[in-house]
Amino acid sequence: ALTNFQLTSDVSLFDQVIATFDDVEAAGLKVAVFGQDSDNAKCASATVTCIILTQPECVSCVFDGGALLVDLSVVMKADGTVGSKASFTYWAAPTIVSATMNTVGTAVN
């Protein structure tokens, strides 16, 4: 939820906003509509803008302890000083460290 972030419905969100995860642009942007896309009560306020972001794929990420912390930035294209920054965590997919079969070979322990 962003406050004092004035968007117009006449122009595509992609033409008004730049959202980046570190230096990679968001894969998707959408204005969240309270009751449809979001149950966050803040999104019902006329002074608050809620945007749904789709993070870009993290193909060559190097995870530390299963996580990678990046800077998430959402700014207006017309004025890069209007926006917000936060941290975003990518989580590594779970991996199997070891597995053994039962004595009959019909199940994994």
PDB file of N, CA and C in Angstrom:
ATOM      1  N   ALA A   1       0.845  -1.175   0.000  1.00  0.00           N
ATOM      2  CA  ALA A   1       0.000   0.000   0.000  1.00  0.00           C
ATOM      3  C   ALA A   1       0.890   1.237   0.000  1.00  0.00           C
ATOM      4  N   LEU A   2       0.627   2.146  -0.912  1.00  0.00           N
ATOM      5  CA  LEU A   2       1.401   3.389  -1.030  1.00  0.00           C
ATOM      6  C   LEU A   2       0.490   4.579  -0.792  1.00  0.00           C
ATOM      7  N   THR A   3       0.958   5.558  -0.052  1.00  0.00           N
ATOM      8  CA  THR A   3       0.193   6.788   0.141  1.00  0.00           C
ATOM      9  C   THR A   3       0.818   7.893  -0.698  1.00  0.00           C
ATOM     10  N   ASN A   4       0.020   8.887  -1.057  1.00  0.00           N
ATOM     11  CA  ASN A   4       0.468  10.025  -1.871  1.00  0.00           C
ATOM     12  C   ASN A   4       1.117   9.567  -3.174  1.00  0.00           C
ATOM     13  N   PHE A   5       0.521   8.600  -3.793  1.00  0.00           N
ATOM     14  CA  PHE A   5       1.020   8.008  -5.034  1.00  0.00           C
ATOM     15  C   PHE A   5      -0.110   8.105  -6.043  1.00  0.00           C
ATOM     16  N   GLN A   6      -0.186   9.237  -6.711  1.00  0.00           N
ATOM     17  CA  GLN A   6      -1.332   9.540  -7.566  1.00  0.00           C
ATOM     18  C   GLN A   6      -1.177   8.934  -8.955  1.00  0.00           C
ATOM     19  N   LEU A   7      -2.065   8.008  -9.280  1.00  0.00           N
ATOM     20  CA  LEU A   7      -2.091   7.379 -10.597  1.00  0.00           C
ATOM     21  C   LEU A   7      -3.354   7.790 -11.322  1.00  0.00           C
ATOM     22  N   THR A   8      -3.316   7.712 -12.640  1.00  0.00           N
ATOM     23  CA  THR A   8      -4.504   8.000 -13.424  1.00  0.00           C
ATOM     24  C   THR A   8      -4.947   6.731 -14.129  1.00  0.00           C
ATOM     25  N   SER A   9      -6.235   6.515 -14.222  1.00  0.00           N
ATOM     26  CA  SER A   9      -6.752   5.311 -14.884  1.00  0.00           C
ATOM     27  C   SER A   9      -6.725   5.444 -16.402  1.00  0.00           C
ATOM     28  N   ASP A  10      -6.425   6.664 -16.909  1.00  0.00           N
ATOM     29  CA  ASP A  10      -6.378   6.910 -18.351  1.00  0.00           C
ATOM     30  C   ASP A  10      -5.107   6.372 -19.003  1.00  0.00           C
ATOM     31  N   VAL A  11      -4.080   6.114 -18.183  1.00  0.00           N
ATOM     32  CA  VAL A  11      -2.778   5.713 -18.705  1.00  0.00           C
ATOM     33  C   VAL A  11      -2.398   4.367 -18.099  1.00  0.00           C
ATOM     34  N   SER A  12      -1.765   3.513 -18.896  1.00  0.00           N
ATOM     35  CA  SER A  12      -1.323   2.206 -18.422  1.00  0.00           C
ATOM     36  C   SER A  12      -0.418   2.357 -17.197  1.00  0.00           C
ATOM     37  N   LEU A  13      -0.564   1.447 -16.261  1.00  0.00           N
ATOM     38  CA  LEU A  13       0.266   1.460 -15.063  1.00  0.00           C
ATOM     39  C   LEU A  13       1.748   1.356 -15.428  1.00  0.00           C
ATOM     40  N   PHE A  14       2.080   0.560 -16.458  1.00  0.00           N
ATOM     41  CA  PHE A  14       3.468   0.417 -16.909  1.00  0.00           C
ATOM     42  C   PHE A  14       4.034   1.741 -17.430  1.00  0.00           C
ATOM     43  N   ASP A  15       3.178   2.651 -17.895  1.00  0.00           N
ATOM     44  CA  ASP A  15       3.632   3.955 -18.376  1.00  0.00           C
ATOM     45  C   ASP A  15       3.779   4.979 -17.253  1.00  0.00           C
ATOM     46  N   GLN A  16       3.309   4.637 -16.049  1.00  0.00           N
ATOM     47  CA  GLN A  16       3.356   5.560 -14.927  1.00  0.00           C
ATOM     48  C   GLN A  16       4.341   5.159 -13.835  1.00  0.00           C
ATOM     49  N   VAL A  17       4.590   3.863 -13.713  1.00  0.00           N
ATOM     50  CA  VAL A  17       5.333   3.338 -12.569  1.00  0.00           C
ATOM     51  C   VAL A  17       6.483   2.453 -13.029  1.00  0.00           C
ATOM     52  N   ILE A  18       7.594   2.537 -12.308  1.00  0.00           N
ATOM     53  CA  ILE A  18       8.692   1.597 -12.491  1.00  0.00           C
ATOM     54  C   ILE A  18       8.842   0.834 -11.179  1.00  0.00           C
ATOM     55  N   ALA A  19       8.722  -0.483 -11.251  1.00  0.00           N
ATOM     56  CA  ALA A  19       8.922  -1.333 -10.082  1.00  0.00           C
ATOM     57  C   ALA A  19      10.103  -2.246 -10.384  1.00  0.00           C
ATOM     58  N   THR A  20      11.102  -2.223  -9.512  1.00  0.00           N
ATOM     59  CA  THR A  20      12.289  -3.045  -9.732  1.00  0.00           C
ATOM     60  C   THR A  20      12.628  -3.867  -8.494  1.00  0.00           C
ATOM     61  N   PHE A  21      13.149  -5.039  -8.751  1.00  0.00           N
ATOM     62  CA  PHE A  21      13.690  -5.921  -7.723  1.00  0.00           C
ATOM     63  C   PHE A  21      15.193  -5.901  -7.966  1.00  0.00           C
ATOM     64  N   ASP A  22      15.926  -5.179  -7.126  1.00  0.00           N
ATOM     65  CA  ASP A  22      17.302  -4.779  -7.402  1.00  0.00           C
ATOM     66  C   ASP A  22      17.255  -4.004  -8.715  1.00  0.00           C
ATOM     67  N   ASP A  23      17.909  -4.461  -9.765  1.00  0.00           N
ATOM     68  CA  ASP A  23      17.905  -3.707 -11.027  1.00  0.00           C
ATOM     69  C   ASP A  23      17.040  -4.347 -12.096  1.00  0.00           C
ATOM     70  N   VAL A  24      16.210  -5.315 -11.715  1.00  0.00           N
ATOM     71  CA  VAL A  24      15.377  -6.032 -12.689  1.00  0.00           C
ATOM     72  C   VAL A  24      13.924  -5.585 -12.535  1.00  0.00           C
ATOM     73  N   GLU A  25      13.322  -5.179 -13.669  1.00  0.00           N
ATOM     74  CA  GLU A  25      11.929  -4.707 -13.618  1.00  0.00           C
ATOM     75  C   GLU A  25      10.968  -5.826 -13.255  1.00  0.00           C
ATOM     76  N   ALA A  26       9.899  -5.453 -12.570  1.00  0.00           N
ATOM     77  CA  ALA A  26       8.849  -6.399 -12.201  1.00  0.00           C
ATOM     78  C   ALA A  26       8.273  -7.042 -13.455  1.00  0.00           C
ATOM     79  N   ALA A  27       7.931  -8.312 -13.344  1.00  0.00           N
ATOM     80  CA  ALA A  27       7.357  -9.037 -14.480  1.00  0.00           C
ATOM     81  C   ALA A  27       5.908  -8.640 -14.721  1.00  0.00           C
ATOM     82  N   GLY A  28       5.243  -8.118 -13.691  1.00  0.00           N
ATOM     83  CA  GLY A  28       3.852  -7.713 -13.831  1.00  0.00           C
ATOM     84  C   GLY A  28       3.479  -6.648 -12.828  1.00  0.00           C
ATOM     85  N   LEU A  29       2.567  -5.768 -13.219  1.00  0.00           N
ATOM     86  CA  LEU A  29       2.034  -4.699 -12.371  1.00  0.00           C
ATOM     87  C   LEU A  29       0.533  -4.644 -12.550  1.00  0.00           C
ATOM     88  N   LYS A  30      -0.185  -4.474 -11.447  1.00  0.00           N
ATOM     89  CA  LYS A  30      -1.636  -4.353 -11.527  1.00  0.00           C
ATOM     90  C   LYS A  30      -2.116  -3.551 -10.331  1.00  0.00           C
ATOM     91  N   VAL A  31      -3.057  -2.647 -10.561  1.00  0.00           N
ATOM     92  CA  VAL A  31      -3.663  -1.905  -9.454  1.00  0.00           C
ATOM     93  C   VAL A  31      -4.614  -2.858  -8.742  1.00  0.00           C
ATOM     94  N   ALA A  32      -4.445  -2.975  -7.444  1.00  0.00           N
ATOM     95  CA  ALA A  32      -5.295  -3.870  -6.648  1.00  0.00           C
ATOM     96  C   ALA A  32      -6.600  -3.163  -6.296  1.00  0.00           C
ATOM     97  N   VAL A  33      -7.695  -3.856  -6.486  1.00  0.00           N
ATOM     98  CA  VAL A  33      -9.019  -3.342  -6.149  1.00  0.00           C
ATOM     99  C   VAL A  33      -9.472  -4.018  -4.862  1.00  0.00           C
ATOM    100  N   PHE A  34      -9.795  -3.201  -3.854  1.00  0.00           N
ATOM    101  CA  PHE A  34     -10.214  -3.748  -2.564  1.00  0.00           C
ATOM    102  C   PHE A  34     -11.456  -4.607  -2.743  1.00  0.00           C
ATOM    103  N   GLY A  35     -11.440  -5.795  -2.152  1.00  0.00           N
ATOM    104  CA  GLY A  35     -12.569  -6.709  -2.244  1.00  0.00           C
ATOM    105  C   GLY A  35     -12.469  -7.672  -3.411  1.00  0.00           C
ATOM    106  N   GLN A  36     -11.675  -7.313  -4.430  1.00  0.00           N
ATOM    107  CA  GLN A  36     -11.478  -8.211  -5.568  1.00  0.00           C
ATOM    108  C   GLN A  36     -10.080  -8.826  -5.528  1.00  0.00           C
ATOM    109  N   ASP A  37      -9.070  -7.959  -5.506  1.00  0.00           N
ATOM    110  CA  ASP A  37      -7.685  -8.415  -5.532  1.00  0.00           C
ATOM    111  C   ASP A  37      -7.035  -8.399  -4.157  1.00  0.00           C
ATOM    112  N   SER A  38      -7.606  -7.642  -3.241  1.00  0.00           N
ATOM    113  CA  SER A  38      -6.984  -7.467  -1.934  1.00  0.00           C
ATOM    114  C   SER A  38      -8.041  -7.351  -0.845  1.00  0.00           C
ATOM    115  N   ASP A  39      -7.743  -7.982   0.291  1.00  0.00           N
ATOM    116  CA  ASP A  39      -8.597  -7.836   1.460  1.00  0.00           C
ATOM    117  C   ASP A  39      -7.984  -6.859   2.459  1.00  0.00           C
ATOM    118  N   ASN A  40      -6.872  -6.245   2.080  1.00  0.00           N
ATOM    119  CA  ASN A  40      -6.206  -5.280   2.942  1.00  0.00           C
ATOM    120  C   ASN A  40      -7.084  -4.034   3.049  1.00  0.00           C
ATOM    121  N   ALA A  41      -7.534  -3.718   4.242  1.00  0.00           N
ATOM    122  CA  ALA A  41      -8.438  -2.576   4.455  1.00  0.00           C
ATOM    123  C   ALA A  41      -7.813  -1.262   4.013  1.00  0.00           C
ATOM    124  N   LYS A  42      -6.492  -1.176   4.032  1.00  0.00           N
ATOM    125  CA  LYS A  42      -5.822   0.057   3.583  1.00  0.00           C
ATOM    126  C   LYS A  42      -6.141   0.354   2.123  1.00  0.00           C
ATOM    127  N   CYS A  43      -6.363  -0.695   1.327  1.00  0.00           N
ATOM    128  CA  CYS A  43      -6.635  -0.521  -0.103  1.00  0.00           C
ATOM    129  C   CYS A  43      -8.008   0.090  -0.369  1.00  0.00           C
ATOM    130  N   ALA A  44      -8.856   0.151   0.642  1.00  0.00           N
ATOM    131  CA  ALA A  44     -10.190   0.733   0.483  1.00  0.00           C
ATOM    132  C   ALA A  44     -10.146   2.261   0.585  1.00  0.00           C
ATOM    133  N   SER A  45      -9.055   2.807   1.086  1.00  0.00           N
ATOM    134  CA  SER A  45      -8.928   4.249   1.274  1.00  0.00           C
ATOM    135  C   SER A  45      -8.637   4.945  -0.060  1.00  0.00           C
ATOM    136  N   ALA A  46      -9.233   6.109  -0.252  1.00  0.00           N
ATOM    137  CA  ALA A  46      -9.008   6.886  -1.477  1.00  0.00           C
ATOM    138  C   ALA A  46      -7.600   7.473  -1.522  1.00  0.00           C
ATOM    139  N   THR A  47      -6.935   7.585  -0.378  1.00  0.00           N
ATOM    140  CA  THR A  47      -5.595   8.174  -0.335  1.00  0.00           C
ATOM    141  C   THR A  47      -4.488   7.127  -0.445  1.00  0.00           C
ATOM    142  N   VAL A  48      -4.875   5.867  -0.609  1.00  0.00           N
ATOM    143  CA  VAL A  48      -3.897   4.782  -0.666  1.00  0.00           C
ATOM    144  C   VAL A  48      -3.992   4.078  -2.014  1.00  0.00           C
ATOM    145  N   THR A  49      -2.829   3.770  -2.597  1.00  0.00           N
ATOM    146  CA  THR A  49      -2.759   3.016  -3.838  1.00  0.00           C
ATOM    147  C   THR A  49      -2.151   1.662  -3.529  1.00  0.00           C
ATOM    148  N   CYS A  50      -2.821   0.605  -3.925  1.00  0.00           N
ATOM    149  CA  CYS A  50      -2.290  -0.741  -3.745  1.00  0.00           C
ATOM    150  C   CYS A  50      -1.975  -1.317  -5.119  1.00  0.00           C
ATOM    151  N   ILE A  51      -0.764  -1.816  -5.257  1.00  0.00           N
ATOM    152  CA  ILE A  51      -0.311  -2.384  -6.522  1.00  0.00           C
ATOM    153  C   ILE A  51       0.117  -3.825  -6.286  1.00  0.00           C
ATOM    154  N   ILE A  52      -0.319  -4.710  -7.155  1.00  0.00           N
ATOM    155  CA  ILE A  52       0.116  -6.103  -7.116  1.00  0.00           C
ATOM    156  C   ILE A  52       1.310  -6.222  -8.056  1.00  0.00           C
ATOM    157  N   LEU A  53       2.431  -6.688  -7.515  1.00  0.00           N
ATOM    158  CA  LEU A  53       3.655  -6.846  -8.289  1.00  0.00           C
ATOM    159  C   LEU A  53       3.925  -8.326  -8.520  1.00  0.00           C
ATOM    160  N   THR A  54       4.391  -8.653  -9.709  1.00  0.00           N
ATOM    161  CA  THR A  54       4.875 -10.002  -9.985  1.00  0.00           C
ATOM    162  C   THR A  54       6.385  -9.903 -10.096  1.00  0.00           C
ATOM    163  N   GLN A  55       7.077 -10.589  -9.193  1.00  0.00           N
ATOM    164  CA  GLN A  55       8.526 -10.493  -9.189  1.00  0.00           C
ATOM    165  C   GLN A  55       9.109 -11.225 -10.390  1.00  0.00           C
ATOM    166  N   PRO A  56      10.250 -10.725 -10.893  1.00  0.00           N
ATOM    167  CA  PRO A  56      10.904 -11.424 -11.999  1.00  0.00           C
ATOM    168  C   PRO A  56      11.491 -12.742 -11.496  1.00  0.00           C
ATOM    169  N   GLU A  57      11.669 -13.663 -12.415  1.00  0.00           N
ATOM    170  CA  GLU A  57      12.264 -14.945 -12.058  1.00  0.00           C
ATOM    171  C   GLU A  57      13.698 -14.724 -11.600  1.00  0.00           C
ATOM    172  N   CYS A  58      14.109 -15.472 -10.624  1.00  0.00           N
ATOM    173  CA  CYS A  58      15.438 -15.326 -10.039  1.00  0.00           C
ATOM    174  C   CYS A  58      16.293 -16.504 -10.503  1.00  0.00           C
ATOM    175  N   VAL A  59      16.718 -16.472 -11.763  1.00  0.00           N
ATOM    176  CA  VAL A  59      17.371 -17.611 -12.391  1.00  0.00           C
ATOM    177  C   VAL A  59      18.795 -17.827 -11.870  1.00  0.00           C
ATOM    178  N   SER A  60      19.592 -16.785 -11.814  1.00  0.00           N
ATOM    179  CA  SER A  60      21.003 -16.948 -11.426  1.00  0.00           C
ATOM    180  C   SER A  60      21.266 -16.430 -10.015  1.00  0.00           C
ATOM    181  N   CYS A  61      20.275 -16.509  -9.165  1.00  0.00           N
ATOM    182  CA  CYS A  61      20.421 -16.014  -7.797  1.00  0.00           C
ATOM    183  C   CYS A  61      21.346 -16.917  -6.981  1.00  0.00           C
ATOM    184  N   VAL A  62      22.086 -16.296  -6.077  1.00  0.00           N
ATOM    185  CA  VAL A  62      22.932 -17.024  -5.140  1.00  0.00           C
ATOM    186  C   VAL A  62      22.292 -16.852  -3.766  1.00  0.00           C
ATOM    187  N   PHE A  63      21.773 -17.946  -3.227  1.00  0.00           N
ATOM    188  CA  PHE A  63      21.055 -17.901  -1.962  1.00  0.00           C
ATOM    189  C   PHE A  63      22.003 -18.131  -0.798  1.00  0.00           C
ATOM    190  N   ASP A  64      21.730 -17.460   0.301  1.00  0.00           N
ATOM    191  CA  ASP A  64      22.489 -17.629   1.534  1.00  0.00           C
ATOM    192  C   ASP A  64      21.516 -18.145   2.586  1.00  0.00           C
ATOM    193  N   GLY A  65      21.699 -19.393   3.004  1.00  0.00           N
ATOM    194  CA  GLY A  65      20.769 -19.975   3.966  1.00  0.00           C
ATOM    195  C   GLY A  65      19.377 -20.142   3.398  1.00  0.00           C
ATOM    196  N   GLY A  66      19.277 -20.298   2.084  1.00  0.00           N
ATOM    197  CA  GLY A  66      17.990 -20.509   1.443  1.00  0.00           C
ATOM    198  C   GLY A  66      17.246 -19.237   1.072  1.00  0.00           C
ATOM    199  N   ALA A  67      17.865 -18.076   1.324  1.00  0.00           N
ATOM    200  CA  ALA A  67      17.175 -16.810   1.047  1.00  0.00           C
ATOM    201  C   ALA A  67      18.096 -15.829   0.323  1.00  0.00           C
ATOM    202  N   LEU A  68      17.492 -14.921  -0.407  1.00  0.00           N
ATOM    203  CA  LEU A  68      18.216 -13.823  -1.050  1.00  0.00           C
ATOM    204  C   LEU A  68      17.413 -12.548  -0.851  1.00  0.00           C
ATOM    205  N   LEU A  69      17.991 -11.587  -0.176  1.00  0.00           N
ATOM    206  CA  LEU A  69      17.331 -10.309   0.104  1.00  0.00           C
ATOM    207  C   LEU A  69      17.709  -9.302  -0.973  1.00  0.00           C
ATOM    208  N   VAL A  70      16.699  -8.685  -1.612  1.00  0.00           N
ATOM    209  CA  VAL A  70      16.940  -7.677  -2.643  1.00  0.00           C
ATOM    210  C   VAL A  70      16.156  -6.414  -2.300  1.00  0.00           C
ATOM    211  N   ASP A  71      16.541  -5.306  -2.933  1.00  0.00           N
ATOM    212  CA  ASP A  71      15.814  -4.050  -2.763  1.00  0.00           C
ATOM    213  C   ASP A  71      14.643  -4.005  -3.732  1.00  0.00           C
ATOM    214  N   LEU A  72      13.465  -3.730  -3.226  1.00  0.00           N
ATOM    215  CA  LEU A  72      12.266  -3.546  -4.043  1.00  0.00           C
ATOM    216  C   LEU A  72      11.972  -2.052  -4.082  1.00  0.00           C
ATOM    217  N   SER A  73      11.861  -1.519  -5.288  1.00  0.00           N
ATOM    218  CA  SER A  73      11.629  -0.085  -5.451  1.00  0.00           C
ATOM    219  C   SER A  73      10.428   0.141  -6.370  1.00  0.00           C
ATOM    220  N   VAL A  74       9.532   1.021  -5.965  1.00  0.00           N
ATOM    221  CA  VAL A  74       8.382   1.409  -6.783  1.00  0.00           C
ATOM    222  C   VAL A  74       8.398   2.931  -6.859  1.00  0.00           C
ATOM    223  N   VAL A  75       8.616   3.474  -8.067  1.00  0.00           N
ATOM    224  CA  VAL A  75       8.698   4.927  -8.235  1.00  0.00           C
ATOM    225  C   VAL A  75       7.875   5.368  -9.444  1.00  0.00           C
ATOM    226  N   MET A  76       7.487   6.630  -9.416  1.00  0.00           N
ATOM    227  CA  MET A  76       6.775   7.220 -10.545  1.00  0.00           C
ATOM    228  C   MET A  76       7.771   7.514 -11.665  1.00  0.00           C
ATOM    229  N   LYS A  77       7.405   7.198 -12.902  1.00  0.00           N
ATOM    230  CA  LYS A  77       8.287   7.482 -14.032  1.00  0.00           C
ATOM    231  C   LYS A  77       8.469   8.985 -14.223  1.00  0.00           C
ATOM    232  N   ALA A  78       7.410   9.750 -13.989  1.00  0.00           N
ATOM    233  CA  ALA A  78       7.461  11.199 -14.191  1.00  0.00           C
ATOM    234  C   ALA A  78       8.333  11.902 -13.157  1.00  0.00           C
ATOM    235  N   ASP A  79       8.446  11.323 -11.968  1.00  0.00           N
ATOM    236  CA  ASP A  79       9.226  11.936 -10.894  1.00  0.00           C
ATOM    237  C   ASP A  79       9.812  10.824 -10.031  1.00  0.00           C
ATOM    238  N   GLY A  80      11.061  10.477 -10.288  1.00  0.00           N
ATOM    239  CA  GLY A  80      11.725   9.384  -9.592  1.00  0.00           C
ATOM    240  C   GLY A  80      11.901   9.585  -8.099  1.00  0.00           C
ATOM    241  N   THR A  81      11.591  10.796  -7.610  1.00  0.00           N
ATOM    242  CA  THR A  81      11.693  11.044  -6.166  1.00  0.00           C
ATOM    243  C   THR A  81      10.424  10.630  -5.437  1.00  0.00           C
ATOM    244  N   VAL A  82       9.348  10.336  -6.201  1.00  0.00           N
ATOM    245  CA  VAL A  82       8.081   9.906  -5.598  1.00  0.00           C
ATOM    246  C   VAL A  82       8.000   8.387  -5.693  1.00  0.00           C
ATOM    247  N   GLY A  83       8.058   7.747  -4.555  1.00  0.00           N
ATOM    248  CA  GLY A  83       7.997   6.299  -4.561  1.00  0.00           C
ATOM    249  C   GLY A  83       8.278   5.721  -3.195  1.00  0.00           C
ATOM    250  N   SER A  84       8.590   4.453  -3.206  1.00  0.00           N
ATOM    251  CA  SER A  84       8.833   3.748  -1.953  1.00  0.00           C
ATOM    252  C   SER A  84       9.839   2.637  -2.188  1.00  0.00           C
ATOM    253  N   LYS A  85      10.598   2.313  -1.137  1.00  0.00           N
ATOM    254  CA  LYS A  85      11.559   1.215  -1.196  1.00  0.00           C
ATOM    255  C   LYS A  85      11.336   0.301  -0.006  1.00  0.00           C
ATOM    256  N   ALA A  86      11.569  -0.977  -0.236  1.00  0.00           N
ATOM    257  CA  ALA A  86      11.435  -1.982   0.823  1.00  0.00           C
ATOM    258  C   ALA A  86      12.346  -3.153   0.470  1.00  0.00           C
ATOM    259  N   SER A  87      12.468  -4.082   1.385  1.00  0.00           N
ATOM    260  CA  SER A  87      13.234  -5.296   1.126  1.00  0.00           C
ATOM    261  C   SER A  87      12.280  -6.400   0.677  1.00  0.00           C
ATOM    262  N   PHE A  88      12.767  -7.249  -0.206  1.00  0.00           N
ATOM    263  CA  PHE A  88      12.000  -8.388  -0.698  1.00  0.00           C
ATOM    264  C   PHE A  88      12.889  -9.616  -0.597  1.00  0.00           C
ATOM    265  N   THR A  89      12.321 -10.733  -0.170  1.00  0.00           N
ATOM    266  CA  THR A  89      13.091 -11.960  -0.023  1.00  0.00           C
ATOM    267  C   THR A  89      12.674 -13.000  -1.055  1.00  0.00           C
ATOM    268  N   TYR A  90      13.647 -13.435  -1.844  1.00  0.00           N
ATOM    269  CA  TYR A  90      13.465 -14.609  -2.691  1.00  0.00           C
ATOM    270  C   TYR A  90      13.836 -15.819  -1.835  1.00  0.00           C
ATOM    271  N   TRP A  91      13.062 -16.881  -1.930  1.00  0.00           N
ATOM    272  CA  TRP A  91      13.342 -18.112  -1.193  1.00  0.00           C
ATOM    273  C   TRP A  91      13.724 -19.204  -2.171  1.00  0.00           C
ATOM    274  N   ALA A  92      14.766 -19.936  -1.856  1.00  0.00           N
ATOM    275  CA  ALA A  92      15.196 -21.048  -2.701  1.00  0.00           C
ATOM    276  C   ALA A  92      14.184 -22.178  -2.596  1.00  0.00           C
ATOM    277  N   ALA A  93      14.043 -22.914  -3.682  1.00  0.00           N
ATOM    278  CA  ALA A  93      13.162 -24.084  -3.663  1.00  0.00           C
ATOM    279  C   ALA A  93      13.761 -25.126  -2.721  1.00  0.00           C
ATOM    280  N   PRO A  94      12.897 -25.867  -2.045  1.00  0.00           N
ATOM    281  CA  PRO A  94      13.424 -26.916  -1.154  1.00  0.00           C
ATOM    282  C   PRO A  94      14.209 -27.962  -1.948  1.00  0.00           C
ATOM    283  N   THR A  95      15.227 -28.514  -1.326  1.00  0.00           N
ATOM    284  CA  THR A  95      16.009 -29.568  -1.958  1.00  0.00           C
ATOM    285  C   THR A  95      16.115 -30.757  -1.009  1.00  0.00           C
ATOM    286  N   ILE A  96      16.224 -31.920  -1.580  1.00  0.00           N
ATOM    287  CA  ILE A  96      16.413 -33.129  -0.774  1.00  0.00           C
ATOM    288  C   ILE A  96      17.900 -33.263  -0.499  1.00  0.00           C
ATOM    289  N   VAL A  97      18.250 -33.322   0.769  1.00  0.00           N
ATOM    290  CA  VAL A  97      19.648 -33.434   1.166  1.00  0.00           C
ATOM    291  C   VAL A  97      20.080 -34.894   1.153  1.00  0.00           C
ATOM    292  N   SER A  98      19.223 -35.771   1.622  1.00  0.00           N
ATOM    293  CA  SER A  98      19.527 -37.209   1.574  1.00  0.00           C
ATOM    294  C   SER A  98      18.226 -37.992   1.653  1.00  0.00           C
ATOM    295  N   ALA A  99      18.280 -39.226   1.181  1.00  0.00           N
ATOM    296  CA  ALA A  99      17.122 -40.104   1.244  1.00  0.00           C
ATOM    297  C   ALA A  99      17.611 -41.543   1.248  1.00  0.00           C
ATOM    298  N   THR A 100      16.901 -42.387   1.945  1.00  0.00           N
ATOM    299  CA  THR A 100      17.225 -43.811   1.954  1.00  0.00           C
ATOM    300  C   THR A 100      15.942 -44.603   1.766  1.00  0.00           C
ATOM    301  N   MET A 101      16.093 -45.761   1.159  1.00  0.00           N
ATOM    302  CA  MET A 101      14.955 -46.645   0.953  1.00  0.00           C
ATOM    303  C   MET A 101      14.773 -47.529   2.183  1.00  0.00           C
ATOM    304  N   ASN A 102      13.535 -47.950   2.399  1.00  0.00           N
ATOM    305  CA  ASN A 102      13.299 -48.907   3.490  1.00  0.00           C
ATOM    306  C   ASN A 102      13.929 -50.252   3.115  1.00  0.00           C
ATOM    307  N   THR A 103      13.914 -51.179   4.024  1.00  0.00           N
ATOM    308  CA  THR A 103      14.608 -52.455   3.791  1.00  0.00           C
ATOM    309  C   THR A 103      14.032 -53.258   2.642  1.00  0.00           C
ATOM    310  N   VAL A 104      12.763 -53.061   2.302  1.00  0.00           N
ATOM    311  CA  VAL A 104      12.150 -53.794   1.205  1.00  0.00           C
ATOM    312  C   VAL A 104      12.304 -53.062  -0.124  1.00  0.00           C
ATOM    313  N   GLY A 105      12.625 -51.782  -0.055  1.00  0.00           N
ATOM    314  CA  GLY A 105      12.786 -50.988  -1.267  1.00  0.00           C
ATOM    315  C   GLY A 105      11.503 -50.445  -1.835  1.00  0.00           C
ATOM    316  N   THR A 106      10.464 -50.340  -0.991  1.00  0.00           N
ATOM    317  CA  THR A 106       9.165 -49.865  -1.483  1.00  0.00           C
ATOM    318  C   THR A 106       8.816 -48.460  -1.012  1.00  0.00           C
ATOM    319  N   ALA A 107       9.656 -47.877  -0.155  1.00  0.00           N
ATOM    320  CA  ALA A 107       9.354 -46.545   0.369  1.00  0.00           C
ATOM    321  C   ALA A 107      10.640 -45.809   0.716  1.00  0.00           C
ATOM    322  N   VAL A 108      10.550 -44.506   0.708  1.00  0.00           N
ATOM    323  CA  VAL A 108      11.683 -43.664   1.095  1.00  0.00           C
ATOM    324  C   VAL A 108      11.509 -43.303   2.554  1.00  0.00           C
ATOM    325  N   ASN A 109      12.555 -43.486   3.335  1.00  0.00           N
ATOM    326  CA  ASN A 109      12.524 -43.127   4.760  1.00  0.00           C
ATOM    327  C   ASN A 109      12.923 -41.683   4.947  1.00  0.00           C
TER     328      ASN A 109
END
